[in-house]
Amino acid sequence: MPSAPTDAPVWLDDDQQRSWSSVAALLMTLPATLDAQLRADSGLNLFEYHVLVALGEAPGRTLGMSDLAALSRGSLSRLSHAVGRLERSSLVERSACSDGRRRMEARLTDVGWDKLVAAAPGHVREVRRLVVDALDDDQLAALGVAADVVVRTIDPALACGERARGTGCGPLPAESAEQGR
């Protein structure tokens, strides 16, 4: 028989509960809304878009599958299914890593790059509409810092503050879009 926890839960007070409810609503509605926009405009889902962004920002538009899973914030299994779909659309190619180890890597194709460049403006417009333009500069900065603290608590390697610029902490920068051609 499992033992009962020795510590009673520390319940949220009213203010904490209201704040947590807002966070939970954000977590449930924002990804679904962004996913719907991407599907309607480009035929990509939000996870596939993040896979393409991570590859688009990587040197040579290529990443090992484990690194790509971390940057796109998905499991290897989920990534494998997504990359399979992207391969069938000729957006990504998979191959054995050239380092001689038994690892696979994914590379963004030119068709995939063009798809990403075409999808990015609509996605950025939706991100602006739903988040960036809905908040003032201080609110947006506070949201970013708070989100990074939570992500760092969950997995320090995924926190944007811990990684160099250009490793998946935002939409495809305009200068990257120009350089990638």
N, C-alpha and C. Protein backbone atom coordinates (compact mmCIF):
# COMPACT_ATOMS: atom_id res chain seq x y z
N MET A 1 0.84 -1.18 0.00
CA MET A 1 0.00 0.00 0.00
C MET A 1 0.89 1.24 0.00
N PRO A 2 0.63 2.19 -0.92
CA PRO A 2 1.46 3.40 -0.96
C PRO A 2 1.31 4.21 0.32
N SER A 3 2.40 4.80 0.71
CA SER A 3 2.35 5.62 1.92
C SER A 3 1.76 6.99 1.60
N ALA A 4 1.07 7.54 2.56
CA ALA A 4 0.47 8.87 2.40
C ALA A 4 1.56 9.93 2.51
N PRO A 5 1.43 11.00 1.74
CA PRO A 5 2.43 12.08 1.85
C PRO A 5 2.42 12.64 3.27
N THR A 6 3.61 12.96 3.75
CA THR A 6 3.72 13.49 5.10
C THR A 6 3.41 14.97 5.17
N ASP A 7 3.57 15.67 4.06
CA ASP A 7 3.30 17.11 4.05
C ASP A 7 1.95 17.38 3.39
N ALA A 8 1.14 18.13 4.05
CA ALA A 8 -0.14 18.55 3.46
C ALA A 8 0.16 19.55 2.35
N PRO A 9 -0.64 19.56 1.28
CA PRO A 9 -0.40 20.52 0.21
C PRO A 9 -0.56 21.94 0.71
N VAL A 10 0.22 22.82 0.14
CA VAL A 10 0.09 24.24 0.44
C VAL A 10 -0.79 24.82 -0.67
N TRP A 11 -2.05 25.02 -0.35
CA TRP A 11 -3.02 25.47 -1.35
C TRP A 11 -2.73 26.90 -1.77
N LEU A 12 -3.18 27.23 -2.97
CA LEU A 12 -3.01 28.59 -3.49
C LEU A 12 -4.00 29.52 -2.79
N ASP A 13 -3.54 30.72 -2.50
CA ASP A 13 -4.49 31.71 -1.97
C ASP A 13 -5.29 32.27 -3.15
N ASP A 14 -6.23 33.13 -2.86
CA ASP A 14 -7.13 33.63 -3.91
C ASP A 14 -6.38 34.34 -5.04
N ASP A 15 -5.43 35.19 -4.69
CA ASP A 15 -4.65 35.90 -5.72
C ASP A 15 -3.82 34.94 -6.55
N GLN A 16 -3.18 33.98 -5.89
CA GLN A 16 -2.39 32.98 -6.61
C GLN A 16 -3.27 32.13 -7.52
N GLN A 17 -4.45 31.78 -7.04
CA GLN A 17 -5.38 30.97 -7.84
C GLN A 17 -5.83 31.75 -9.08
N ARG A 18 -6.14 33.02 -8.92
CA ARG A 18 -6.53 33.85 -10.07
C ARG A 18 -5.38 33.93 -11.08
N SER A 19 -4.18 34.16 -10.60
CA SER A 19 -3.02 34.24 -11.50
C SER A 19 -2.78 32.91 -12.19
N TRP A 20 -2.84 31.83 -11.43
CA TRP A 20 -2.63 30.51 -12.03
C TRP A 20 -3.71 30.20 -13.07
N SER A 21 -4.94 30.56 -12.80
CA SER A 21 -6.03 30.34 -13.75
C SER A 21 -5.76 31.09 -15.06
N SER A 22 -5.25 32.29 -14.94
CA SER A 22 -4.90 33.06 -16.14
C SER A 22 -3.78 32.39 -16.92
N VAL A 23 -2.77 31.91 -16.22
CA VAL A 23 -1.66 31.21 -16.88
C VAL A 23 -2.18 29.95 -17.56
N ALA A 24 -3.00 29.18 -16.86
CA ALA A 24 -3.55 27.95 -17.44
C ALA A 24 -4.38 28.26 -18.69
N ALA A 25 -5.18 29.31 -18.65
CA ALA A 25 -5.98 29.69 -19.82
C ALA A 25 -5.07 30.08 -20.98
N LEU A 26 -4.00 30.81 -20.70
CA LEU A 26 -3.03 31.18 -21.73
C LEU A 26 -2.40 29.94 -22.35
N LEU A 27 -1.98 29.00 -21.50
CA LEU A 27 -1.34 27.79 -21.99
C LEU A 27 -2.27 26.94 -22.85
N MET A 28 -3.55 27.01 -22.59
CA MET A 28 -4.50 26.22 -23.35
C MET A 28 -4.96 26.91 -24.64
N THR A 29 -5.07 28.23 -24.61
CA THR A 29 -5.63 28.92 -25.77
C THR A 29 -4.60 29.45 -26.76
N LEU A 30 -3.47 29.95 -26.29
CA LEU A 30 -2.50 30.55 -27.22
C LEU A 30 -1.93 29.53 -28.21
N PRO A 31 -1.43 28.37 -27.75
CA PRO A 31 -0.91 27.42 -28.74
C PRO A 31 -1.97 26.96 -29.75
N ALA A 32 -3.18 26.73 -29.30
CA ALA A 32 -4.24 26.30 -30.22
C ALA A 32 -4.56 27.37 -31.25
N THR A 33 -4.57 28.62 -30.82
CA THR A 33 -4.85 29.73 -31.74
C THR A 33 -3.72 29.90 -32.75
N LEU A 34 -2.48 29.83 -32.30
CA LEU A 34 -1.34 29.93 -33.21
C LEU A 34 -1.30 28.75 -34.17
N ASP A 35 -1.62 27.56 -33.67
CA ASP A 35 -1.67 26.37 -34.50
C ASP A 35 -2.72 26.53 -35.60
N ALA A 36 -3.89 27.02 -35.24
CA ALA A 36 -4.97 27.20 -36.23
C ALA A 36 -4.56 28.18 -37.32
N GLN A 37 -3.90 29.28 -36.93
CA GLN A 37 -3.44 30.27 -37.93
C GLN A 37 -2.45 29.64 -38.89
N LEU A 38 -1.47 28.90 -38.35
CA LEU A 38 -0.46 28.28 -39.20
C LEU A 38 -1.08 27.24 -40.13
N ARG A 39 -1.97 26.42 -39.59
CA ARG A 39 -2.62 25.40 -40.43
C ARG A 39 -3.40 26.05 -41.57
N ALA A 40 -4.15 27.10 -41.25
CA ALA A 40 -4.96 27.76 -42.27
C ALA A 40 -4.10 28.44 -43.32
N ASP A 41 -3.04 29.10 -42.88
CA ASP A 41 -2.23 29.90 -43.81
C ASP A 41 -1.15 29.11 -44.54
N SER A 42 -0.59 28.06 -43.89
CA SER A 42 0.56 27.40 -44.50
C SER A 42 0.48 25.88 -44.53
N GLY A 43 -0.53 25.31 -43.87
CA GLY A 43 -0.62 23.86 -43.82
C GLY A 43 0.31 23.22 -42.81
N LEU A 44 1.04 24.03 -42.05
CA LEU A 44 1.93 23.52 -41.01
C LEU A 44 1.23 23.61 -39.66
N ASN A 45 1.56 22.69 -38.76
CA ASN A 45 1.10 22.89 -37.39
C ASN A 45 2.19 23.63 -36.62
N LEU A 46 1.87 24.06 -35.41
CA LEU A 46 2.79 24.87 -34.63
C LEU A 46 4.09 24.13 -34.34
N PHE A 47 4.01 22.85 -34.02
CA PHE A 47 5.22 22.08 -33.74
C PHE A 47 6.09 21.98 -35.00
N GLU A 48 5.49 21.68 -36.14
CA GLU A 48 6.25 21.60 -37.38
C GLU A 48 6.92 22.94 -37.70
N TYR A 49 6.21 24.02 -37.46
CA TYR A 49 6.79 25.35 -37.68
C TYR A 49 8.02 25.54 -36.81
N HIS A 50 7.93 25.16 -35.53
CA HIS A 50 9.08 25.31 -34.64
C HIS A 50 10.24 24.42 -35.07
N VAL A 51 9.96 23.26 -35.62
CA VAL A 51 11.01 22.39 -36.16
C VAL A 51 11.71 23.11 -37.32
N LEU A 52 10.92 23.68 -38.23
CA LEU A 52 11.51 24.39 -39.37
C LEU A 52 12.31 25.61 -38.91
N VAL A 53 11.81 26.34 -37.91
CA VAL A 53 12.54 27.50 -37.39
C VAL A 53 13.88 27.06 -36.82
N ALA A 54 13.87 26.00 -36.01
CA ALA A 54 15.13 25.53 -35.41
C ALA A 54 16.13 25.12 -36.49
N LEU A 55 15.66 24.43 -37.51
CA LEU A 55 16.55 24.05 -38.61
C LEU A 55 17.00 25.28 -39.40
N GLY A 56 16.10 26.22 -39.63
CA GLY A 56 16.43 27.43 -40.38
C GLY A 56 17.49 28.28 -39.68
N GLU A 57 17.53 28.21 -38.36
CA GLU A 57 18.50 29.00 -37.59
C GLU A 57 19.82 28.27 -37.37
N ALA A 58 19.86 26.97 -37.67
CA ALA A 58 21.05 26.15 -37.41
C ALA A 58 22.09 26.34 -38.52
N PRO A 59 23.36 26.20 -38.16
CA PRO A 59 24.42 26.23 -39.18
C PRO A 59 24.16 25.15 -40.23
N GLY A 60 24.20 25.53 -41.48
CA GLY A 60 23.95 24.58 -42.56
C GLY A 60 22.53 24.07 -42.59
N ARG A 61 21.63 24.73 -41.82
CA ARG A 61 20.23 24.31 -41.72
C ARG A 61 20.10 22.84 -41.33
N THR A 62 21.04 22.35 -40.52
CA THR A 62 21.09 20.93 -40.15
C THR A 62 21.31 20.79 -38.65
N LEU A 63 20.58 19.86 -38.05
CA LEU A 63 20.73 19.55 -36.63
C LEU A 63 20.57 18.06 -36.41
N GLY A 64 21.27 17.55 -35.40
CA GLY A 64 21.02 16.20 -34.96
C GLY A 64 19.61 16.12 -34.40
N MET A 65 19.00 14.95 -34.53
CA MET A 65 17.61 14.80 -34.10
C MET A 65 17.44 15.09 -32.61
N SER A 66 18.39 14.71 -31.77
CA SER A 66 18.27 14.99 -30.33
C SER A 66 18.30 16.49 -30.06
N ASP A 67 19.21 17.19 -30.73
CA ASP A 67 19.28 18.64 -30.57
C ASP A 67 18.01 19.30 -31.08
N LEU A 68 17.52 18.81 -32.20
CA LEU A 68 16.30 19.36 -32.79
C LEU A 68 15.11 19.14 -31.87
N ALA A 69 15.04 17.98 -31.24
CA ALA A 69 13.95 17.70 -30.29
C ALA A 69 13.98 18.70 -29.14
N ALA A 70 15.17 18.97 -28.62
CA ALA A 70 15.30 19.92 -27.51
C ALA A 70 14.91 21.33 -27.94
N LEU A 71 15.40 21.77 -29.09
CA LEU A 71 15.11 23.12 -29.56
C LEU A 71 13.65 23.32 -29.92
N SER A 72 13.01 22.27 -30.43
CA SER A 72 11.59 22.39 -30.80
C SER A 72 10.68 22.01 -29.64
N ARG A 73 11.28 21.66 -28.50
CA ARG A 73 10.56 21.35 -27.27
C ARG A 73 9.60 20.18 -27.42
N GLY A 74 10.12 19.11 -28.02
CA GLY A 74 9.31 17.92 -28.20
C GLY A 74 10.12 16.67 -27.92
N SER A 75 9.45 15.57 -27.72
CA SER A 75 10.13 14.30 -27.51
C SER A 75 10.71 13.81 -28.84
N LEU A 76 11.65 12.88 -28.77
CA LEU A 76 12.20 12.30 -29.99
C LEU A 76 11.12 11.61 -30.80
N SER A 77 10.18 10.96 -30.13
CA SER A 77 9.09 10.28 -30.82
C SER A 77 8.22 11.28 -31.59
N ARG A 78 7.82 12.34 -30.90
CA ARG A 78 6.99 13.37 -31.55
C ARG A 78 7.75 13.99 -32.71
N LEU A 79 9.03 14.28 -32.50
CA LEU A 79 9.85 14.87 -33.55
C LEU A 79 9.96 13.92 -34.74
N SER A 80 10.18 12.65 -34.48
CA SER A 80 10.31 11.69 -35.57
C SER A 80 9.06 11.66 -36.45
N HIS A 81 7.90 11.68 -35.82
CA HIS A 81 6.64 11.71 -36.59
C HIS A 81 6.52 13.00 -37.39
N ALA A 82 6.86 14.13 -36.78
CA ALA A 82 6.77 15.42 -37.47
C ALA A 82 7.76 15.48 -38.62
N VAL A 83 8.99 15.04 -38.39
CA VAL A 83 9.99 15.06 -39.46
C VAL A 83 9.57 14.13 -40.59
N GLY A 84 8.94 13.02 -40.27
CA GLY A 84 8.41 12.13 -41.31
C GLY A 84 7.40 12.85 -42.19
N ARG A 85 6.49 13.60 -41.57
CA ARG A 85 5.51 14.38 -42.35
C ARG A 85 6.22 15.44 -43.20
N LEU A 86 7.20 16.12 -42.59
CA LEU A 86 7.92 17.17 -43.31
C LEU A 86 8.76 16.58 -44.45
N GLU A 87 9.28 15.37 -44.26
CA GLU A 87 10.02 14.69 -45.33
C GLU A 87 9.10 14.37 -46.51
N ARG A 88 7.91 13.87 -46.20
CA ARG A 88 6.96 13.54 -47.27
C ARG A 88 6.57 14.76 -48.09
N SER A 89 6.67 15.95 -47.48
CA SER A 89 6.39 17.19 -48.19
C SER A 89 7.65 17.82 -48.78
N SER A 90 8.77 17.10 -48.70
CA SER A 90 10.07 17.56 -49.22
C SER A 90 10.59 18.81 -48.53
N LEU A 91 10.15 19.06 -47.29
CA LEU A 91 10.60 20.24 -46.55
C LEU A 91 11.86 19.95 -45.74
N VAL A 92 12.06 18.68 -45.39
CA VAL A 92 13.19 18.25 -44.56
C VAL A 92 13.73 16.94 -45.12
N GLU A 93 15.03 16.74 -44.96
CA GLU A 93 15.66 15.46 -45.30
C GLU A 93 16.36 14.92 -44.06
N ARG A 94 16.26 13.62 -43.86
CA ARG A 94 16.97 12.97 -42.76
C ARG A 94 18.11 12.15 -43.33
N SER A 95 19.22 12.10 -42.58
CA SER A 95 20.35 11.28 -42.99
C SER A 95 21.16 10.92 -41.75
N ALA A 96 22.08 9.97 -41.93
CA ALA A 96 22.98 9.62 -40.84
C ALA A 96 23.95 10.78 -40.63
N CYS A 97 24.28 11.06 -39.38
CA CYS A 97 25.23 12.13 -39.08
C CYS A 97 26.58 11.78 -39.69
N SER A 98 27.27 12.79 -40.13
CA SER A 98 28.57 12.59 -40.76
C SER A 98 29.68 12.37 -39.73
N ASP A 99 29.36 12.43 -38.43
CA ASP A 99 30.39 12.29 -37.40
C ASP A 99 30.76 10.84 -37.11
N GLY A 100 30.16 9.90 -37.83
CA GLY A 100 30.50 8.50 -37.66
C GLY A 100 29.75 7.81 -36.54
N ARG A 101 29.04 8.56 -35.72
CA ARG A 101 28.26 7.95 -34.65
C ARG A 101 26.91 7.53 -35.20
N ARG A 102 26.23 6.68 -34.46
CA ARG A 102 24.93 6.18 -34.90
C ARG A 102 23.84 7.16 -34.51
N ARG A 103 23.84 8.28 -35.18
CA ARG A 103 22.84 9.32 -34.93
C ARG A 103 22.28 9.78 -36.26
N MET A 104 21.08 10.31 -36.18
CA MET A 104 20.45 10.87 -37.38
C MET A 104 20.41 12.38 -37.25
N GLU A 105 20.41 13.03 -38.40
CA GLU A 105 20.27 14.48 -38.43
C GLU A 105 19.19 14.84 -39.42
N ALA A 106 18.66 16.02 -39.26
CA ALA A 106 17.65 16.54 -40.18
C ALA A 106 18.20 17.81 -40.81
N ARG A 107 17.88 17.99 -42.09
CA ARG A 107 18.33 19.17 -42.81
C ARG A 107 17.13 19.82 -43.49
N LEU A 108 17.03 21.12 -43.35
CA LEU A 108 15.98 21.89 -44.01
C LEU A 108 16.33 22.01 -45.48
N THR A 109 15.44 21.58 -46.35
CA THR A 109 15.68 21.68 -47.79
C THR A 109 15.40 23.10 -48.27
N ASP A 110 15.74 23.38 -49.50
CA ASP A 110 15.41 24.69 -50.08
C ASP A 110 13.89 24.89 -50.13
N VAL A 111 13.16 23.82 -50.43
CA VAL A 111 11.69 23.88 -50.43
C VAL A 111 11.21 24.20 -49.02
N GLY A 112 11.82 23.57 -48.00
CA GLY A 112 11.47 23.82 -46.62
C GLY A 112 11.77 25.25 -46.21
N TRP A 113 12.92 25.76 -46.66
CA TRP A 113 13.29 27.16 -46.36
C TRP A 113 12.24 28.10 -46.95
N ASP A 114 11.87 27.85 -48.20
CA ASP A 114 10.86 28.70 -48.84
C ASP A 114 9.53 28.63 -48.10
N LYS A 115 9.16 27.45 -47.63
CA LYS A 115 7.91 27.29 -46.87
C LYS A 115 7.98 28.07 -45.56
N LEU A 116 9.13 28.00 -44.88
CA LEU A 116 9.32 28.73 -43.63
C LEU A 116 9.26 30.23 -43.86
N VAL A 117 9.94 30.70 -44.88
CA VAL A 117 9.93 32.13 -45.19
C VAL A 117 8.52 32.60 -45.55
N ALA A 118 7.75 31.76 -46.23
CA ALA A 118 6.37 32.12 -46.57
C ALA A 118 5.45 32.09 -45.35
N ALA A 119 5.69 31.16 -44.42
CA ALA A 119 4.83 31.02 -43.25
C ALA A 119 5.13 32.06 -42.17
N ALA A 120 6.37 32.50 -42.07
CA ALA A 120 6.80 33.37 -40.97
C ALA A 120 6.02 34.68 -40.87
N PRO A 121 5.77 35.41 -41.95
CA PRO A 121 5.07 36.69 -41.79
C PRO A 121 3.69 36.57 -41.17
N GLY A 122 2.90 35.59 -41.58
CA GLY A 122 1.57 35.41 -40.99
C GLY A 122 1.65 35.01 -39.53
N HIS A 123 2.62 34.16 -39.21
CA HIS A 123 2.80 33.74 -37.82
C HIS A 123 3.21 34.93 -36.95
N VAL A 124 4.14 35.72 -37.44
CA VAL A 124 4.59 36.89 -36.68
C VAL A 124 3.44 37.89 -36.51
N ARG A 125 2.63 38.07 -37.55
CA ARG A 125 1.46 38.96 -37.41
C ARG A 125 0.54 38.47 -36.30
N GLU A 126 0.32 37.16 -36.24
CA GLU A 126 -0.57 36.60 -35.22
C GLU A 126 0.06 36.71 -33.82
N VAL A 127 1.35 36.48 -33.71
CA VAL A 127 2.05 36.65 -32.43
C VAL A 127 1.95 38.10 -31.98
N ARG A 128 2.14 39.02 -32.91
CA ARG A 128 2.00 40.44 -32.57
C ARG A 128 0.58 40.76 -32.10
N ARG A 129 -0.40 40.29 -32.86
CA ARG A 129 -1.79 40.59 -32.54
C ARG A 129 -2.19 40.04 -31.17
N LEU A 130 -1.81 38.82 -30.90
CA LEU A 130 -2.25 38.14 -29.69
C LEU A 130 -1.43 38.48 -28.45
N VAL A 131 -0.15 38.78 -28.62
CA VAL A 131 0.72 38.94 -27.46
C VAL A 131 1.44 40.29 -27.47
N VAL A 132 2.29 40.50 -28.45
CA VAL A 132 3.19 41.66 -28.44
C VAL A 132 2.42 42.98 -28.41
N ASP A 133 1.44 43.13 -29.30
CA ASP A 133 0.70 44.39 -29.35
C ASP A 133 -0.37 44.50 -28.27
N ALA A 134 -0.74 43.37 -27.65
CA ALA A 134 -1.74 43.40 -26.58
C ALA A 134 -1.14 43.86 -25.25
N LEU A 135 0.17 43.84 -25.15
CA LEU A 135 0.87 44.21 -23.91
C LEU A 135 1.71 45.45 -24.14
N ASP A 136 1.92 46.22 -23.08
CA ASP A 136 2.89 47.32 -23.22
C ASP A 136 4.29 46.72 -23.06
N ASP A 137 5.32 47.52 -23.30
CA ASP A 137 6.69 47.02 -23.29
C ASP A 137 7.07 46.39 -21.94
N ASP A 138 6.66 47.02 -20.85
CA ASP A 138 6.98 46.49 -19.52
C ASP A 138 6.27 45.16 -19.27
N GLN A 139 5.01 45.05 -19.68
CA GLN A 139 4.27 43.80 -19.50
C GLN A 139 4.90 42.68 -20.33
N LEU A 140 5.26 43.00 -21.57
CA LEU A 140 5.88 41.99 -22.43
C LEU A 140 7.21 41.52 -21.85
N ALA A 141 8.03 42.46 -21.39
CA ALA A 141 9.31 42.09 -20.79
C ALA A 141 9.08 41.23 -19.54
N ALA A 142 8.11 41.61 -18.70
CA ALA A 142 7.83 40.84 -17.49
C ALA A 142 7.33 39.44 -17.84
N LEU A 143 6.49 39.33 -18.85
CA LEU A 143 6.01 38.02 -19.29
C LEU A 143 7.18 37.16 -19.77
N GLY A 144 8.07 37.74 -20.55
CA GLY A 144 9.24 37.00 -21.03
C GLY A 144 10.12 36.51 -19.90
N VAL A 145 10.39 37.38 -18.95
CA VAL A 145 11.22 37.00 -17.81
C VAL A 145 10.53 35.91 -16.99
N ALA A 146 9.24 36.08 -16.72
CA ALA A 146 8.51 35.09 -15.94
C ALA A 146 8.48 33.74 -16.66
N ALA A 147 8.23 33.75 -17.95
CA ALA A 147 8.20 32.51 -18.71
C ALA A 147 9.56 31.83 -18.68
N ASP A 148 10.63 32.61 -18.80
CA ASP A 148 11.97 32.05 -18.78
C ASP A 148 12.29 31.42 -17.42
N VAL A 149 11.83 32.04 -16.34
CA VAL A 149 12.04 31.49 -15.00
C VAL A 149 11.35 30.13 -14.88
N VAL A 150 10.11 30.05 -15.36
CA VAL A 150 9.38 28.78 -15.29
C VAL A 150 10.05 27.73 -16.16
N VAL A 151 10.42 28.09 -17.38
CA VAL A 151 11.10 27.14 -18.27
C VAL A 151 12.41 26.68 -17.64
N ARG A 152 13.17 27.59 -17.08
CA ARG A 152 14.44 27.24 -16.43
C ARG A 152 14.20 26.27 -15.27
N THR A 153 13.10 26.42 -14.55
CA THR A 153 12.76 25.51 -13.46
C THR A 153 12.46 24.11 -14.00
N ILE A 154 11.79 24.05 -15.14
CA ILE A 154 11.44 22.77 -15.75
C ILE A 154 12.66 22.13 -16.39
N ASP A 155 13.38 22.89 -17.22
CA ASP A 155 14.54 22.36 -17.94
C ASP A 155 15.48 23.51 -18.27
N PRO A 156 16.55 23.68 -17.48
CA PRO A 156 17.46 24.82 -17.69
C PRO A 156 18.02 24.92 -19.11
N ALA A 157 18.18 23.80 -19.78
CA ALA A 157 18.75 23.83 -21.13
C ALA A 157 17.82 24.50 -22.14
N LEU A 158 16.55 24.59 -21.82
CA LEU A 158 15.59 25.18 -22.76
C LEU A 158 15.36 26.67 -22.54
N ALA A 159 15.87 27.21 -21.45
CA ALA A 159 15.64 28.62 -21.14
C ALA A 159 16.39 29.49 -22.13
N CYS A 160 15.70 30.47 -22.70
CA CYS A 160 16.31 31.35 -23.70
C CYS A 160 17.52 32.09 -23.15
N GLY A 161 17.48 32.47 -21.90
CA GLY A 161 18.60 33.19 -21.31
C GLY A 161 19.86 32.37 -21.22
N GLU A 162 19.75 31.05 -21.36
CA GLU A 162 20.90 30.16 -21.25
C GLU A 162 21.51 29.84 -22.61
N ARG A 163 20.89 30.26 -23.69
CA ARG A 163 21.38 29.91 -25.01
C ARG A 163 21.76 31.15 -25.78
N ALA A 164 22.61 30.96 -26.75
CA ALA A 164 23.02 32.06 -27.62
C ALA A 164 21.87 32.47 -28.52
N ARG A 165 21.88 33.71 -28.96
CA ARG A 165 20.87 34.20 -29.88
C ARG A 165 20.85 33.32 -31.13
N GLY A 166 19.65 33.11 -31.65
CA GLY A 166 19.55 32.37 -32.90
C GLY A 166 19.41 30.87 -32.70
N THR A 167 19.01 30.41 -31.53
CA THR A 167 18.86 28.98 -31.32
C THR A 167 17.43 28.62 -30.96
N GLY A 168 16.48 29.32 -31.54
CA GLY A 168 15.09 28.93 -31.36
C GLY A 168 14.33 29.74 -30.34
N CYS A 169 14.87 30.85 -29.86
CA CYS A 169 14.18 31.65 -28.85
C CYS A 169 13.28 32.69 -29.48
N GLY A 170 12.82 32.49 -30.65
CA GLY A 170 11.92 33.45 -31.25
C GLY A 170 11.69 33.14 -32.70
N PRO A 171 10.89 33.96 -33.35
CA PRO A 171 10.62 33.73 -34.77
C PRO A 171 11.87 34.00 -35.59
N LEU A 172 11.84 33.51 -36.79
CA LEU A 172 12.96 33.68 -37.71
C LEU A 172 13.28 35.15 -37.87
N PRO A 173 14.49 35.58 -37.47
CA PRO A 173 14.85 37.00 -37.62
C PRO A 173 14.89 37.40 -39.09
N ALA A 174 14.54 38.63 -39.36
CA ALA A 174 14.52 39.12 -40.75
C ALA A 174 15.88 38.94 -41.41
N GLU A 175 16.97 39.23 -40.67
CA GLU A 175 18.29 39.11 -41.29
C GLU A 175 18.63 37.65 -41.60
N SER A 176 18.11 36.69 -40.82
CA SER A 176 18.35 35.29 -41.12
C SER A 176 17.61 34.89 -42.39
N ALA A 177 16.41 35.43 -42.57
CA ALA A 177 15.64 35.12 -43.76
C ALA A 177 16.40 35.57 -45.01
N GLU A 178 17.01 36.72 -44.93
CA GLU A 178 17.75 37.23 -46.07
C GLU A 178 19.05 36.44 -46.30
N GLN A 179 19.74 36.08 -45.24
CA GLN A 179 21.01 35.38 -45.36
C GLN A 179 20.82 33.94 -45.83
N GLY A 180 19.68 33.35 -45.52
CA GLY A 180 19.48 31.94 -45.83
C GLY A 180 19.24 31.65 -47.28
N ARG A 181 18.99 32.61 -48.06
CA ARG A 181 18.69 32.40 -49.47
C ARG A 181 19.91 32.04 -50.27
